[in-house]
Each structure stands twice: as C-alpha cells, then as structure tokens.
Amino acid sequence: RLTEWRLHKQTGESATVKVQGDRWS
C-alpha cells in the first residue's frame, strides 16, 4: 500500500505526506 504522497512546486519546493484512509485498492 502506497501511503506516502510526494508533491512539489515549480519553484522547487517539495513535500512528502503520510496519508491514511478507510479504503484502498
């Protein structure tokens, strides 16, 4: 299960968020 979402901006700023939820597939 992939629960780390990696995001970035065009400016170069980045963030990695540990997500959770009640369903996945």
mmCIF file of all heavy atoms, coordinates in Angstrom:
data_MODEL
# 
_entry.id   MODEL 
# 
loop_
_atom_site.group_PDB 
_atom_site.id 
_atom_site.type_symbol 
_atom_site.label_atom_id 
_atom_site.label_alt_id 
_atom_site.label_comp_id 
_atom_site.label_asym_id 
_atom_site.label_entity_id 
_atom_site.label_seq_id 
_atom_site.pdbx_PDB_ins_code 
_atom_site.Cartn_x 
_atom_site.Cartn_y 
_atom_site.Cartn_z 
_atom_site.occupancy 
_atom_site.B_iso_or_equiv 
_atom_site.pdbx_formal_charge 
_atom_site.auth_seq_id 
_atom_site.auth_comp_id 
_atom_site.auth_asym_id 
_atom_site.auth_atom_id 
_atom_site.pdbx_PDB_model_num 
ATOM 1   N N   . ARG A 1 1  ? 0.840   -1.197 0.000   1.00 0.00 ? 1  ARG A N   1 
ATOM 2   C CA  . ARG A 1 1  ? 0.000   0.000  0.000   1.00 0.00 ? 1  ARG A CA  1 
ATOM 3   C C   . ARG A 1 1  ? 0.878   1.251  0.000   1.00 0.00 ? 1  ARG A C   1 
ATOM 4   O O   . ARG A 1 1  ? 1.735   1.420  0.871   1.00 0.00 ? 1  ARG A O   1 
ATOM 5   C CB  . ARG A 1 1  ? -0.920  -0.005 1.219   1.00 0.00 ? 1  ARG A CB  1 
ATOM 6   C CG  . ARG A 1 1  ? -1.922  1.135  1.249   1.00 0.00 ? 1  ARG A CG  1 
ATOM 7   C CD  . ARG A 1 1  ? -2.761  1.070  2.513   1.00 0.00 ? 1  ARG A CD  1 
ATOM 8   N NE  . ARG A 1 1  ? -3.654  2.204  2.616   1.00 0.00 ? 1  ARG A NE  1 
ATOM 9   C CZ  . ARG A 1 1  ? -4.351  2.519  3.702   1.00 0.00 ? 1  ARG A CZ  1 
ATOM 10  N NH1 . ARG A 1 1  ? -4.249  1.754  4.783   1.00 0.00 ? 1  ARG A NH1 1 
ATOM 11  N NH2 . ARG A 1 1  ? -5.148  3.577  3.717   1.00 0.00 ? 1  ARG A NH2 1 
ATOM 12  N N   . LEU A 1 2  ? 0.663   2.123  -1.000  1.00 0.00 ? 2  LEU A N   1 
ATOM 13  C CA  . LEU A 1 2  ? 1.473   3.333  -1.131  1.00 0.00 ? 2  LEU A CA  1 
ATOM 14  C C   . LEU A 1 2  ? 0.793   4.478  -0.387  1.00 0.00 ? 2  LEU A C   1 
ATOM 15  O O   . LEU A 1 2  ? -0.200  5.030  -0.866  1.00 0.00 ? 2  LEU A O   1 
ATOM 16  C CB  . LEU A 1 2  ? 1.666   3.690  -2.605  1.00 0.00 ? 2  LEU A CB  1 
ATOM 17  C CG  . LEU A 1 2  ? 2.267   2.593  -3.488  1.00 0.00 ? 2  LEU A CG  1 
ATOM 18  C CD1 . LEU A 1 2  ? 2.461   3.099  -4.907  1.00 0.00 ? 2  LEU A CD1 1 
ATOM 19  C CD2 . LEU A 1 2  ? 3.590   2.099  -2.911  1.00 0.00 ? 2  LEU A CD2 1 
ATOM 20  N N   . THR A 1 3  ? 1.315   4.815  0.766   1.00 0.00 ? 3  THR A N   1 
ATOM 21  C CA  . THR A 1 3  ? 0.687   5.835  1.614   1.00 0.00 ? 3  THR A CA  1 
ATOM 22  C C   . THR A 1 3  ? 1.543   7.085  1.778   1.00 0.00 ? 3  THR A C   1 
ATOM 23  O O   . THR A 1 3  ? 1.226   7.949  2.589   1.00 0.00 ? 3  THR A O   1 
ATOM 24  C CB  . THR A 1 3  ? 0.382   5.247  3.011   1.00 0.00 ? 3  THR A CB  1 
ATOM 25  O OG1 . THR A 1 3  ? 1.590   4.740  3.579   1.00 0.00 ? 3  THR A OG1 1 
ATOM 26  C CG2 . THR A 1 3  ? -0.648  4.134  2.914   1.00 0.00 ? 3  THR A CG2 1 
ATOM 27  N N   . GLU A 1 4  ? 2.621   7.189  1.024   1.00 0.00 ? 4  GLU A N   1 
ATOM 28  C CA  . GLU A 1 4  ? 3.427   8.414  1.023   1.00 0.00 ? 4  GLU A CA  1 
ATOM 29  C C   . GLU A 1 4  ? 3.214   9.130  -0.299  1.00 0.00 ? 4  GLU A C   1 
ATOM 30  O O   . GLU A 1 4  ? 3.534   8.586  -1.358  1.00 0.00 ? 4  GLU A O   1 
ATOM 31  C CB  . GLU A 1 4  ? 4.912   8.108  1.236   1.00 0.00 ? 4  GLU A CB  1 
ATOM 32  C CG  . GLU A 1 4  ? 5.271   7.761  2.670   1.00 0.00 ? 4  GLU A CG  1 
ATOM 33  C CD  . GLU A 1 4  ? 6.776   7.732  2.882   1.00 0.00 ? 4  GLU A CD  1 
ATOM 34  O OE1 . GLU A 1 4  ? 7.527   7.762  1.873   1.00 0.00 ? 4  GLU A OE1 1 
ATOM 35  O OE2 . GLU A 1 4  ? 7.206   7.682  4.047   1.00 0.00 ? 4  GLU A OE2 1 
ATOM 36  N N   . TRP A 1 5  ? 2.660   10.324 -0.223  1.00 0.00 ? 5  TRP A N   1 
ATOM 37  C CA  . TRP A 1 5  ? 2.411   11.113 -1.423  1.00 0.00 ? 5  TRP A CA  1 
ATOM 38  C C   . TRP A 1 5  ? 3.463   12.217 -1.501  1.00 0.00 ? 5  TRP A C   1 
ATOM 39  O O   . TRP A 1 5  ? 3.571   13.056 -0.601  1.00 0.00 ? 5  TRP A O   1 
ATOM 40  C CB  . TRP A 1 5  ? 1.013   11.706 -1.396  1.00 0.00 ? 5  TRP A CB  1 
ATOM 41  C CG  . TRP A 1 5  ? -0.074  10.666 -1.583  1.00 0.00 ? 5  TRP A CG  1 
ATOM 42  C CD1 . TRP A 1 5  ? 0.103   9.333  -1.754  1.00 0.00 ? 5  TRP A CD1 1 
ATOM 43  C CD2 . TRP A 1 5  ? -1.478  10.903 -1.611  1.00 0.00 ? 5  TRP A CD2 1 
ATOM 44  N NE1 . TRP A 1 5  ? -1.115  8.694  -1.899  1.00 0.00 ? 5  TRP A NE1 1 
ATOM 45  C CE2 . TRP A 1 5  ? -2.110  9.642  -1.812  1.00 0.00 ? 5  TRP A CE2 1 
ATOM 46  C CE3 . TRP A 1 5  ? -2.284  12.032 -1.481  1.00 0.00 ? 5  TRP A CE3 1 
ATOM 47  C CZ2 . TRP A 1 5  ? -3.497  9.491  -1.890  1.00 0.00 ? 5  TRP A CZ2 1 
ATOM 48  C CZ3 . TRP A 1 5  ? -3.663  11.890 -1.566  1.00 0.00 ? 5  TRP A CZ3 1 
ATOM 49  C CH2 . TRP A 1 5  ? -4.260  10.639 -1.768  1.00 0.00 ? 5  TRP A CH2 1 
ATOM 50  N N   . ARG A 1 6  ? 4.223   12.198 -2.582  1.00 0.00 ? 6  ARG A N   1 
ATOM 51  C CA  . ARG A 1 6  ? 5.295   13.182 -2.776  1.00 0.00 ? 6  ARG A CA  1 
ATOM 52  C C   . ARG A 1 6  ? 4.808   14.272 -3.731  1.00 0.00 ? 6  ARG A C   1 
ATOM 53  O O   . ARG A 1 6  ? 4.376   13.975 -4.848  1.00 0.00 ? 6  ARG A O   1 
ATOM 54  C CB  . ARG A 1 6  ? 6.553   12.500 -3.321  1.00 0.00 ? 6  ARG A CB  1 
ATOM 55  C CG  . ARG A 1 6  ? 7.151   11.508 -2.344  1.00 0.00 ? 6  ARG A CG  1 
ATOM 56  C CD  . ARG A 1 6  ? 8.372   10.808 -2.947  1.00 0.00 ? 6  ARG A CD  1 
ATOM 57  N NE  . ARG A 1 6  ? 9.012   9.926  -1.967  1.00 0.00 ? 6  ARG A NE  1 
ATOM 58  C CZ  . ARG A 1 6  ? 8.644   8.668  -1.768  1.00 0.00 ? 6  ARG A CZ  1 
ATOM 59  N NH1 . ARG A 1 6  ? 7.651   8.144  -2.475  1.00 0.00 ? 6  ARG A NH1 1 
ATOM 60  N NH2 . ARG A 1 6  ? 9.259   7.925  -0.859  1.00 0.00 ? 6  ARG A NH2 1 
ATOM 61  N N   . LEU A 1 7  ? 4.911   15.501 -3.289  1.00 0.00 ? 7  LEU A N   1 
ATOM 62  C CA  . LEU A 1 7  ? 4.436   16.652 -4.058  1.00 0.00 ? 7  LEU A CA  1 
ATOM 63  C C   . LEU A 1 7  ? 5.569   17.649 -4.242  1.00 0.00 ? 7  LEU A C   1 
ATOM 64  O O   . LEU A 1 7  ? 6.504   17.702 -3.436  1.00 0.00 ? 7  LEU A O   1 
ATOM 65  C CB  . LEU A 1 7  ? 3.272   17.327 -3.327  1.00 0.00 ? 7  LEU A CB  1 
ATOM 66  C CG  . LEU A 1 7  ? 2.025   16.471 -3.068  1.00 0.00 ? 7  LEU A CG  1 
ATOM 67  C CD1 . LEU A 1 7  ? 1.261   17.018 -1.881  1.00 0.00 ? 7  LEU A CD1 1 
ATOM 68  C CD2 . LEU A 1 7  ? 1.153   16.447 -4.302  1.00 0.00 ? 7  LEU A CD2 1 
ATOM 69  N N   . HIS A 1 8  ? 5.451   18.445 -5.296  1.00 0.00 ? 8  HIS A N   1 
ATOM 70  C CA  . HIS A 1 8  ? 6.434   19.508 -5.476  1.00 0.00 ? 8  HIS A CA  1 
ATOM 71  C C   . HIS A 1 8  ? 5.803   20.678 -6.226  1.00 0.00 ? 8  HIS A C   1 
ATOM 72  O O   . HIS A 1 8  ? 4.790   20.533 -6.906  1.00 0.00 ? 8  HIS A O   1 
ATOM 73  C CB  . HIS A 1 8  ? 7.671   19.006 -6.227  1.00 0.00 ? 8  HIS A CB  1 
ATOM 74  C CG  . HIS A 1 8  ? 7.388   18.587 -7.633  1.00 0.00 ? 8  HIS A CG  1 
ATOM 75  N ND1 . HIS A 1 8  ? 7.119   17.293 -7.979  1.00 0.00 ? 8  HIS A ND1 1 
ATOM 76  C CD2 . HIS A 1 8  ? 7.312   19.308 -8.788  1.00 0.00 ? 8  HIS A CD2 1 
ATOM 77  C CE1 . HIS A 1 8  ? 6.904   17.218 -9.282  1.00 0.00 ? 8  HIS A CE1 1 
ATOM 78  N NE2 . HIS A 1 8  ? 7.013   18.415 -9.786  1.00 0.00 ? 8  HIS A NE2 1 
ATOM 79  N N   . LYS A 1 9  ? 6.438   21.841 -6.080  1.00 0.00 ? 9  LYS A N   1 
ATOM 80  C CA  . LYS A 1 9  ? 6.049   23.041 -6.808  1.00 0.00 ? 9  LYS A CA  1 
ATOM 81  C C   . LYS A 1 9  ? 7.056   23.300 -7.925  1.00 0.00 ? 9  LYS A C   1 
ATOM 82  O O   . LYS A 1 9  ? 8.184   22.792 -7.895  1.00 0.00 ? 9  LYS A O   1 
ATOM 83  C CB  . LYS A 1 9  ? 6.038   24.254 -5.861  1.00 0.00 ? 9  LYS A CB  1 
ATOM 84  C CG  . LYS A 1 9  ? 4.854   24.344 -4.924  1.00 0.00 ? 9  LYS A CG  1 
ATOM 85  C CD  . LYS A 1 9  ? 4.962   25.663 -4.131  1.00 0.00 ? 9  LYS A CD  1 
ATOM 86  C CE  . LYS A 1 9  ? 3.713   25.910 -3.302  1.00 0.00 ? 9  LYS A CE  1 
ATOM 87  N NZ  . LYS A 1 9  ? 3.830   27.197 -2.543  1.00 0.00 ? 9  LYS A NZ  1 
ATOM 88  N N   . GLN A 1 10 ? 6.658   24.138 -8.862  1.00 0.00 ? 10 GLN A N   1 
ATOM 89  C CA  . GLN A 1 10 ? 7.581   24.504 -9.938  1.00 0.00 ? 10 GLN A CA  1 
ATOM 90  C C   . GLN A 1 10 ? 8.763   25.304 -9.387  1.00 0.00 ? 10 GLN A C   1 
ATOM 91  O O   . GLN A 1 10 ? 9.821   25.368 -10.022 1.00 0.00 ? 10 GLN A O   1 
ATOM 92  C CB  . GLN A 1 10 ? 6.854   25.315 -11.009 1.00 0.00 ? 10 GLN A CB  1 
ATOM 93  C CG  . GLN A 1 10 ? 5.875   24.484 -11.833 1.00 0.00 ? 10 GLN A CG  1 
ATOM 94  C CD  . GLN A 1 10 ? 5.288   25.268 -12.983 1.00 0.00 ? 10 GLN A CD  1 
ATOM 95  O OE1 . GLN A 1 10 ? 5.415   26.486 -13.058 1.00 0.00 ? 10 GLN A OE1 1 
ATOM 96  N NE2 . GLN A 1 10 ? 4.624   24.570 -13.888 1.00 0.00 ? 10 GLN A NE2 1 
ATOM 97  N N   . THR A 1 11 ? 8.591   25.915 -8.238  1.00 0.00 ? 11 THR A N   1 
ATOM 98  C CA  . THR A 1 11 ? 9.683   26.679 -7.615  1.00 0.00 ? 11 THR A CA  1 
ATOM 99  C C   . THR A 1 11 ? 10.773  25.779 -7.054  1.00 0.00 ? 11 THR A C   1 
ATOM 100 O O   . THR A 1 11 ? 11.840  26.253 -6.672  1.00 0.00 ? 11 THR A O   1 
ATOM 101 C CB  . THR A 1 11 ? 9.137   27.554 -6.477  1.00 0.00 ? 11 THR A CB  1 
ATOM 102 O OG1 . THR A 1 11 ? 8.502   26.705 -5.501  1.00 0.00 ? 11 THR A OG1 1 
ATOM 103 C CG2 . THR A 1 11 ? 8.123   28.561 -6.994  1.00 0.00 ? 11 THR A CG2 1 
ATOM 104 N N   . GLY A 1 12 ? 10.480  24.475 -6.964  1.00 0.00 ? 12 GLY A N   1 
ATOM 105 C CA  . GLY A 1 12 ? 11.446  23.535 -6.418  1.00 0.00 ? 12 GLY A CA  1 
ATOM 106 C C   . GLY A 1 12 ? 11.114  23.063 -5.024  1.00 0.00 ? 12 GLY A C   1 
ATOM 107 O O   . GLY A 1 12 ? 11.726  22.102 -4.523  1.00 0.00 ? 12 GLY A O   1 
ATOM 108 N N   . GLU A 1 13 ? 10.168  23.704 -4.370  1.00 0.00 ? 13 GLU A N   1 
ATOM 109 C CA  . GLU A 1 13 ? 9.755   23.284 -3.032  1.00 0.00 ? 13 GLU A CA  1 
ATOM 110 C C   . GLU A 1 13 ? 9.074   21.916 -3.113  1.00 0.00 ? 13 GLU A C   1 
ATOM 111 O O   . GLU A 1 13 ? 8.311   21.646 -4.043  1.00 0.00 ? 13 GLU A O   1 
ATOM 112 C CB  . GLU A 1 13 ? 8.785   24.307 -2.446  1.00 0.00 ? 13 GLU A CB  1 
ATOM 113 C CG  . GLU A 1 13 ? 8.384   24.034 -1.000  1.00 0.00 ? 13 GLU A CG  1 
ATOM 114 C CD  . GLU A 1 13 ? 7.436   25.087 -0.458  1.00 0.00 ? 13 GLU A CD  1 
ATOM 115 O OE1 . GLU A 1 13 ? 7.183   26.088 -1.182  1.00 0.00 ? 13 GLU A OE1 1 
ATOM 116 O OE2 . GLU A 1 13 ? 6.936   24.919 0.671   1.00 0.00 ? 13 GLU A OE2 1 
ATOM 117 N N   . SER A 1 14 ? 9.332   21.053 -2.149  1.00 0.00 ? 14 SER A N   1 
ATOM 118 C CA  . SER A 1 14 ? 8.754   19.717 -2.166  1.00 0.00 ? 14 SER A CA  1 
ATOM 119 C C   . SER A 1 14 ? 8.205   19.352 -0.796  1.00 0.00 ? 14 SER A C   1 
ATOM 120 O O   . SER A 1 14 ? 8.558   19.969 0.211   1.00 0.00 ? 14 SER A O   1 
ATOM 121 C CB  . SER A 1 14 ? 9.783   18.672 -2.611  1.00 0.00 ? 14 SER A CB  1 
ATOM 122 O OG  . SER A 1 14 ? 10.853  18.612 -1.687  1.00 0.00 ? 14 SER A OG  1 
ATOM 123 N N   . ALA A 1 15 ? 7.328   18.359 -0.780  1.00 0.00 ? 15 ALA A N   1 
ATOM 124 C CA  . ALA A 1 15 ? 6.733   17.888 0.478   1.00 0.00 ? 15 ALA A CA  1 
ATOM 125 C C   . ALA A 1 15 ? 6.350   16.427 0.308   1.00 0.00 ? 15 ALA A C   1 
ATOM 126 O O   . ALA A 1 15 ? 5.887   16.011 -0.762  1.00 0.00 ? 15 ALA A O   1 
ATOM 127 C CB  . ALA A 1 15 ? 5.508   18.718 0.837   1.00 0.00 ? 15 ALA A CB  1 
ATOM 128 N N   . THR A 1 16 ? 6.543   15.647 1.366   1.00 0.00 ? 16 THR A N   1 
ATOM 129 C CA  . THR A 1 16 ? 6.112   14.249 1.401   1.00 0.00 ? 16 THR A CA  1 
ATOM 130 C C   . THR A 1 16 ? 5.150   14.085 2.566   1.00 0.00 ? 16 THR A C   1 
ATOM 131 O O   . THR A 1 16 ? 5.482   14.430 3.696   1.00 0.00 ? 16 THR A O   1 
ATOM 132 C CB  . THR A 1 16 ? 7.306   13.297 1.567   1.00 0.00 ? 16 THR A CB  1 
ATOM 133 O OG1 . THR A 1 16 ? 8.198   13.463 0.468   1.00 0.00 ? 16 THR A OG1 1 
ATOM 134 C CG2 . THR A 1 16 ? 6.837   11.844 1.614   1.00 0.00 ? 16 THR A CG2 1 
ATOM 135 N N   . VAL A 1 17 ? 3.956   13.583 2.254   1.00 0.00 ? 17 VAL A N   1 
ATOM 136 C CA  . VAL A 1 17 ? 2.911   13.483 3.269   1.00 0.00 ? 17 VAL A CA  1 
ATOM 137 C C   . VAL A 1 17 ? 2.522   12.026 3.455   1.00 0.00 ? 17 VAL A C   1 
ATOM 138 O O   . VAL A 1 17 ? 2.300   11.295 2.478   1.00 0.00 ? 17 VAL A O   1 
ATOM 139 C CB  . VAL A 1 17 ? 1.662   14.297 2.859   1.00 0.00 ? 17 VAL A CB  1 
ATOM 140 C CG1 . VAL A 1 17 ? 0.610   14.241 3.964   1.00 0.00 ? 17 VAL A CG1 1 
ATOM 141 C CG2 . VAL A 1 17 ? 2.042   15.726 2.545   1.00 0.00 ? 17 VAL A CG2 1 
ATOM 142 N N   . LYS A 1 18 ? 2.454   11.593 4.695   1.00 0.00 ? 18 LYS A N   1 
ATOM 143 C CA  . LYS A 1 18 ? 1.955   10.259 5.036   1.00 0.00 ? 18 LYS A CA  1 
ATOM 144 C C   . LYS A 1 18 ? 0.436   10.356 5.132   1.00 0.00 ? 18 LYS A C   1 
ATOM 145 O O   . LYS A 1 18 ? -0.094  11.073 5.982   1.00 0.00 ? 18 LYS A O   1 
ATOM 146 C CB  . LYS A 1 18 ? 2.544   9.805  6.368   1.00 0.00 ? 18 LYS A CB  1 
ATOM 147 C CG  . LYS A 1 18 ? 2.133   8.399  6.787   1.00 0.00 ? 18 LYS A CG  1 
ATOM 148 C CD  . LYS A 1 18 ? 2.911   7.345  6.047   1.00 0.00 ? 18 LYS A CD  1 
ATOM 149 C CE  . LYS A 1 18 ? 2.644   5.963  6.636   1.00 0.00 ? 18 LYS A CE  1 
ATOM 150 N NZ  . LYS A 1 18 ? 3.351   4.908  5.899   1.00 0.00 ? 18 LYS A NZ  1 
ATOM 151 N N   . VAL A 1 19 ? -0.267  9.647  4.246   1.00 0.00 ? 19 VAL A N   1 
ATOM 152 C CA  . VAL A 1 19 ? -1.720  9.747  4.202   1.00 0.00 ? 19 VAL A CA  1 
ATOM 153 C C   . VAL A 1 19 ? -2.352  8.488  4.759   1.00 0.00 ? 19 VAL A C   1 
ATOM 154 O O   . VAL A 1 19 ? -1.718  7.436  4.884   1.00 0.00 ? 19 VAL A O   1 
ATOM 155 C CB  . VAL A 1 19 ? -2.221  10.002 2.768   1.00 0.00 ? 19 VAL A CB  1 
ATOM 156 C CG1 . VAL A 1 19 ? -1.652  11.306 2.222   1.00 0.00 ? 19 VAL A CG1 1 
ATOM 157 C CG2 . VAL A 1 19 ? -1.859  8.833  1.847   1.00 0.00 ? 19 VAL A CG2 1 
ATOM 158 N N   . GLN A 1 20 ? -3.632  8.593  5.067   1.00 0.00 ? 20 GLN A N   1 
ATOM 159 C CA  . GLN A 1 20 ? -4.377  7.448  5.554   1.00 0.00 ? 20 GLN A CA  1 
ATOM 160 C C   . GLN A 1 20 ? -5.810  7.557  5.046   1.00 0.00 ? 20 GLN A C   1 
ATOM 161 O O   . GLN A 1 20 ? -6.267  8.630  4.636   1.00 0.00 ? 20 GLN A O   1 
ATOM 162 C CB  . GLN A 1 20 ? -4.365  7.391  7.082   1.00 0.00 ? 20 GLN A CB  1 
ATOM 163 C CG  . GLN A 1 20 ? -4.932  8.635  7.748   1.00 0.00 ? 20 GLN A CG  1 
ATOM 164 C CD  . GLN A 1 20 ? -4.794  8.594  9.259   1.00 0.00 ? 20 GLN A CD  1 
ATOM 165 O OE1 . GLN A 1 20 ? -4.459  7.571  9.831   1.00 0.00 ? 20 GLN A OE1 1 
ATOM 166 N NE2 . GLN A 1 20 ? -5.071  9.717  9.916   1.00 0.00 ? 20 GLN A NE2 1 
ATOM 167 N N   . GLY A 1 21 ? -6.529  6.450  5.065   1.00 0.00 ? 21 GLY A N   1 
ATOM 168 C CA  . GLY A 1 21 ? -7.908  6.453  4.616   1.00 0.00 ? 21 GLY A CA  1 
ATOM 169 C C   . GLY A 1 21 ? -8.570  5.129  4.920   1.00 0.00 ? 21 GLY A C   1 
ATOM 170 O O   . GLY A 1 21 ? -7.908  4.166  5.330   1.00 0.00 ? 21 GLY A O   1 
ATOM 171 N N   . ASP A 1 22 ? -9.887  5.082  4.703   1.00 0.00 ? 22 ASP A N   1 
ATOM 172 C CA  . ASP A 1 22 ? -10.636 3.885  5.074   1.00 0.00 ? 22 ASP A CA  1 
ATOM 173 C C   . ASP A 1 22 ? -10.805 2.892  3.934   1.00 0.00 ? 22 ASP A C   1 
ATOM 174 O O   . ASP A 1 22 ? -11.493 1.888  4.074   1.00 0.00 ? 22 ASP A O   1 
ATOM 175 C CB  . ASP A 1 22 ? -12.014 4.259  5.635   1.00 0.00 ? 22 ASP A CB  1 
ATOM 176 C CG  . ASP A 1 22 ? -12.903 4.953  4.596   1.00 0.00 ? 22 ASP A CG  1 
ATOM 177 O OD1 . ASP A 1 22 ? -12.453 5.129  3.436   1.00 0.00 ? 22 ASP A OD1 1 
ATOM 178 O OD2 . ASP A 1 22 ? -14.038 5.311  4.954   1.00 0.00 ? 22 ASP A OD2 1 
ATOM 179 N N   . ARG A 1 23 ? -10.178 3.162  2.766   1.00 0.00 ? 23 ARG A N   1 
ATOM 180 C CA  . ARG A 1 23 ? -10.245 2.198  1.656   1.00 0.00 ? 23 ARG A CA  1 
ATOM 181 C C   . ARG A 1 23 ? -9.075  2.413  0.701   1.00 0.00 ? 23 ARG A C   1 
ATOM 182 O O   . ARG A 1 23 ? -8.569  3.515  0.547   1.00 0.00 ? 23 ARG A O   1 
ATOM 183 C CB  . ARG A 1 23 ? -11.584 2.308  0.917   1.00 0.00 ? 23 ARG A CB  1 
ATOM 184 C CG  . ARG A 1 23 ? -11.854 3.633  0.238   1.00 0.00 ? 23 ARG A CG  1 
ATOM 185 C CD  . ARG A 1 23 ? -13.328 3.827  -0.054  1.00 0.00 ? 23 ARG A CD  1 
ATOM 186 N NE  . ARG A 1 23 ? -14.043 4.166  1.180   1.00 0.00 ? 23 ARG A NE  1 
ATOM 187 C CZ  . ARG A 1 23 ? -15.386 4.214  1.279   1.00 0.00 ? 23 ARG A CZ  1 
ATOM 188 N NH1 . ARG A 1 23 ? -16.127 3.949  0.212   1.00 0.00 ? 23 ARG A NH1 1 
ATOM 189 N NH2 . ARG A 1 23 ? -15.966 4.536  2.415   1.00 0.00 ? 23 ARG A NH2 1 
ATOM 190 N N   . TRP A 1 24 ? -8.657  1.331  0.090   1.00 0.00 ? 24 TRP A N   1 
ATOM 191 C CA  . TRP A 1 24 ? -7.583  1.354  -0.903  1.00 0.00 ? 24 TRP A CA  1 
ATOM 192 C C   . TRP A 1 24 ? -7.770  0.150  -1.807  1.00 0.00 ? 24 TRP A C   1 
ATOM 193 O O   . TRP A 1 24 ? -8.482  -0.800 -1.484  1.00 0.00 ? 24 TRP A O   1 
ATOM 194 C CB  . TRP A 1 24 ? -6.207  1.344  -0.233  1.00 0.00 ? 24 TRP A CB  1 
ATOM 195 C CG  . TRP A 1 24 ? -5.951  0.217  0.716   1.00 0.00 ? 24 TRP A CG  1 
ATOM 196 C CD1 . TRP A 1 24 ? -5.341  -0.963 0.448   1.00 0.00 ? 24 TRP A CD1 1 
ATOM 197 C CD2 . TRP A 1 24 ? -6.296  0.176  2.116   1.00 0.00 ? 24 TRP A CD2 1 
ATOM 198 N NE1 . TRP A 1 24 ? -5.270  -1.750 1.569   1.00 0.00 ? 24 TRP A NE1 1 
ATOM 199 C CE2 . TRP A 1 24 ? -5.846  -1.075 2.608   1.00 0.00 ? 24 TRP A CE2 1 
ATOM 200 C CE3 . TRP A 1 24 ? -6.937  1.060  2.988   1.00 0.00 ? 24 TRP A CE3 1 
ATOM 201 C CZ2 . TRP A 1 24 ? -6.025  -1.461 3.936   1.00 0.00 ? 24 TRP A CZ2 1 
ATOM 202 C CZ3 . TRP A 1 24 ? -7.105  0.676  4.304   1.00 0.00 ? 24 TRP A CZ3 1 
ATOM 203 C CH2 . TRP A 1 24 ? -6.652  -0.570 4.773   1.00 0.00 ? 24 TRP A CH2 1 
ATOM 204 N N   . SER A 1 25 ? -7.101  0.170  -2.983  1.00 0.00 ? 25 SER A N   1 
ATOM 205 C CA  . SER A 1 25 ? -7.261  -0.936 -3.936  1.00 0.00 ? 25 SER A CA  1 
ATOM 206 C C   . SER A 1 25 ? -6.054  -0.999 -4.850  1.00 0.00 ? 25 SER A C   1 
ATOM 207 O O   . SER A 1 25 ? -5.194  -0.121 -4.839  1.00 0.00 ? 25 SER A O   1 
ATOM 208 C CB  . SER A 1 25 ? -8.537  -0.739 -4.775  1.00 0.00 ? 25 SER A CB  1 
ATOM 209 O OG  . SER A 1 25 ? -8.314  0.206  -5.808  1.00 0.00 ? 25 SER A OG  1 
# 
